[in-house]
Structures are given as structure tokens and as C-alpha cells.
Amino acid sequence: MIPTPDLAGLGLFVLAALVLLLTPGPAVLYIVARSIDQGRRAGLVSMLGVHAGTLVHIAAAAAGFSALLAASATAFSAVRYLDALPRTRAQVDGGKESRAFAHAALRL
């Protein structure tokens, strides 16, 4: 038999769920910021990107990728390092661009 929560516990759960549903998360803030800064089209593209990423995440979880990462420290580390590569490259490239900008500004 499945235990059922009492009425007070259920009410507290519903209240907490509503608060979490009404609180904007980072994806919503990102989409709103892009919309305000770059217009409606950029906001719609951002929304599509967020939803596409969510669908990929759901598909990977449904395929068992989450269980694989939880069971294997090696697989988890590999994904973690692969995830860090684009950010590391952006830092290196960003540093080159800022140095080039500084040199160009000094020549003026």
C-alpha cells in the first residue's frame, strides 16, 4: 500500500512547488537579458537554444548516460574535462584579443 501524506504536509508541498515554479531561474533571466539587450529575435533564438539543450539533456538521461556517469568516475572526469575545453579556449583566445587590442590602442 502506498502511504499518503497528511493534509498539512500536502499543503506545504504544494506551496513550496508553487514558489519554485514562480521563481525565475538562470535560463529565464538569460532569455530576458538577451531580449532586452538585443531584441525579440535574439530572445527567441536564446529560448530555442535553452529548450534544445534541455531536450538533449533529457534524451541523454533517458538513454542511461546519467547512470553511466554516476557509476564511472573515469567517464565523469572525461565529460568534466571535455566540458572545460571550450571555456579554456575562450580564456586563451580572449587573452590574445585583449592583448592585440591593447597593442593597437598603444599605436594610435
Protein backbone atom coordinates (compact mmCIF):
# COMPACT_ATOMS: atom_id res chain seq x y z
CA MET A 1 0.00 0.00 0.00
CA ILE A 2 1.26 3.46 -0.88
CA PRO A 3 1.45 5.83 2.08
CA THR A 4 -0.41 9.10 1.58
CA PRO A 5 0.73 12.37 3.11
CA ASP A 6 -1.46 14.15 5.61
CA LEU A 7 -3.28 17.30 4.53
CA ALA A 8 -0.80 19.69 6.21
CA GLY A 9 2.18 18.01 4.54
CA LEU A 10 0.47 18.06 1.16
CA GLY A 11 -0.39 21.75 1.54
CA LEU A 12 3.21 22.58 2.42
CA PHE A 13 4.43 20.62 -0.60
CA VAL A 14 2.03 22.43 -2.94
CA LEU A 15 3.08 25.82 -1.52
CA ALA A 16 6.78 25.02 -1.96
CA ALA A 17 6.17 23.78 -5.52
CA LEU A 18 4.33 26.98 -6.44
CA VAL A 19 7.12 29.15 -5.04
CA LEU A 20 9.69 27.21 -7.07
CA LEU A 21 7.56 27.43 -10.21
CA LEU A 22 7.12 31.20 -9.89
CA THR A 23 10.78 31.93 -9.21
CA PRO A 24 12.70 32.65 -12.43
CA GLY A 25 15.80 30.56 -12.88
CA PRO A 26 19.02 31.36 -14.71
CA ALA A 27 17.58 30.32 -18.10
CA VAL A 28 14.68 32.75 -17.78
CA LEU A 29 16.99 35.55 -16.66
CA TYR A 30 19.33 34.81 -19.59
CA ILE A 31 16.47 34.93 -22.12
CA VAL A 32 15.06 38.16 -20.65
CA ALA A 33 18.51 39.80 -20.62
CA ARG A 34 19.16 38.83 -24.26
CA SER A 35 15.70 40.06 -25.26
CA ILE A 36 16.18 43.42 -23.57
CA ASP A 37 19.72 43.89 -24.87
CA GLN A 38 19.44 42.52 -28.42
CA GLY A 39 15.74 42.42 -29.21
CA ARG A 40 12.93 39.98 -29.69
CA ARG A 41 14.67 37.80 -32.29
CA ALA A 42 17.72 37.22 -30.06
CA GLY A 43 15.38 36.35 -27.19
CA LEU A 44 13.54 33.80 -29.31
CA VAL A 45 16.82 32.26 -30.52
CA SER A 46 18.02 32.08 -26.91
CA MET A 47 14.77 30.42 -25.87
CA LEU A 48 15.14 27.83 -28.63
CA GLY A 49 18.74 27.18 -27.58
CA VAL A 50 17.77 26.67 -23.95
CA HIS A 51 14.98 24.28 -24.91
CA ALA A 52 17.20 22.36 -27.36
CA GLY A 53 19.78 21.91 -24.60
CA THR A 54 17.07 20.71 -22.24
CA LEU A 55 15.88 18.14 -24.79
CA VAL A 56 19.44 16.85 -25.28
CA HIS A 57 19.83 16.57 -21.51
CA ILE A 58 16.54 14.66 -21.20
CA ALA A 59 17.46 12.33 -24.08
CA ALA A 60 20.88 11.60 -22.54
CA ALA A 61 19.29 10.86 -19.16
CA ALA A 62 16.68 8.61 -20.78
CA ALA A 63 19.43 6.75 -22.65
CA GLY A 64 21.18 5.99 -19.37
CA PHE A 65 24.03 8.48 -19.68
CA SER A 66 23.37 9.81 -16.16
CA ALA A 67 23.65 6.31 -14.70
CA LEU A 68 26.91 5.77 -16.59
CA LEU A 69 28.37 8.99 -15.20
CA ALA A 70 27.23 8.14 -11.68
CA ALA A 71 28.76 4.65 -11.88
CA SER A 72 32.08 5.53 -13.54
CA ALA A 73 34.46 8.12 -12.12
CA THR A 74 36.53 7.93 -15.31
CA ALA A 75 33.55 8.74 -17.53
CA PHE A 76 32.54 11.58 -15.22
CA SER A 77 36.06 13.05 -15.31
CA ALA A 78 36.20 12.75 -19.11
CA VAL A 79 32.92 14.66 -19.51
CA ARG A 80 34.04 17.25 -16.97
CA TYR A 81 37.31 17.90 -18.82
CA LEU A 82 35.59 17.96 -22.21
CA ASP A 83 33.15 20.50 -20.80
CA ALA A 84 36.03 22.71 -19.65
CA LEU A 85 37.79 22.80 -23.03
CA PRO A 86 35.63 25.46 -24.74
CA ARG A 87 35.86 27.74 -21.70
CA THR A 88 39.62 27.29 -21.51
CA ARG A 89 39.96 28.09 -25.19
CA ALA A 90 37.76 31.16 -24.80
CA GLN A 91 40.00 32.37 -21.99
CA VAL A 92 43.13 31.86 -24.08
CA ASP A 93 41.61 33.45 -27.18
CA GLY A 94 40.12 36.27 -25.13
CA GLY A 95 43.53 36.99 -23.69
CA LYS A 96 45.04 37.18 -27.18
CA GLU A 97 42.30 39.53 -28.34
CA SER A 98 42.68 41.84 -25.35
CA ARG A 99 46.48 41.96 -25.82
CA ALA A 100 46.04 42.72 -29.54
CA PHE A 101 43.54 45.44 -28.66
CA ALA A 102 45.97 46.93 -26.13
CA HIS A 103 48.80 46.94 -28.70
CA ALA A 104 46.55 48.53 -31.32
CA ALA A 105 45.44 51.19 -28.84
CA LEU A 106 49.04 51.99 -27.97
CA ARG A 107 49.90 52.52 -31.65
CA LEU A 108 47.23 55.21 -32.02
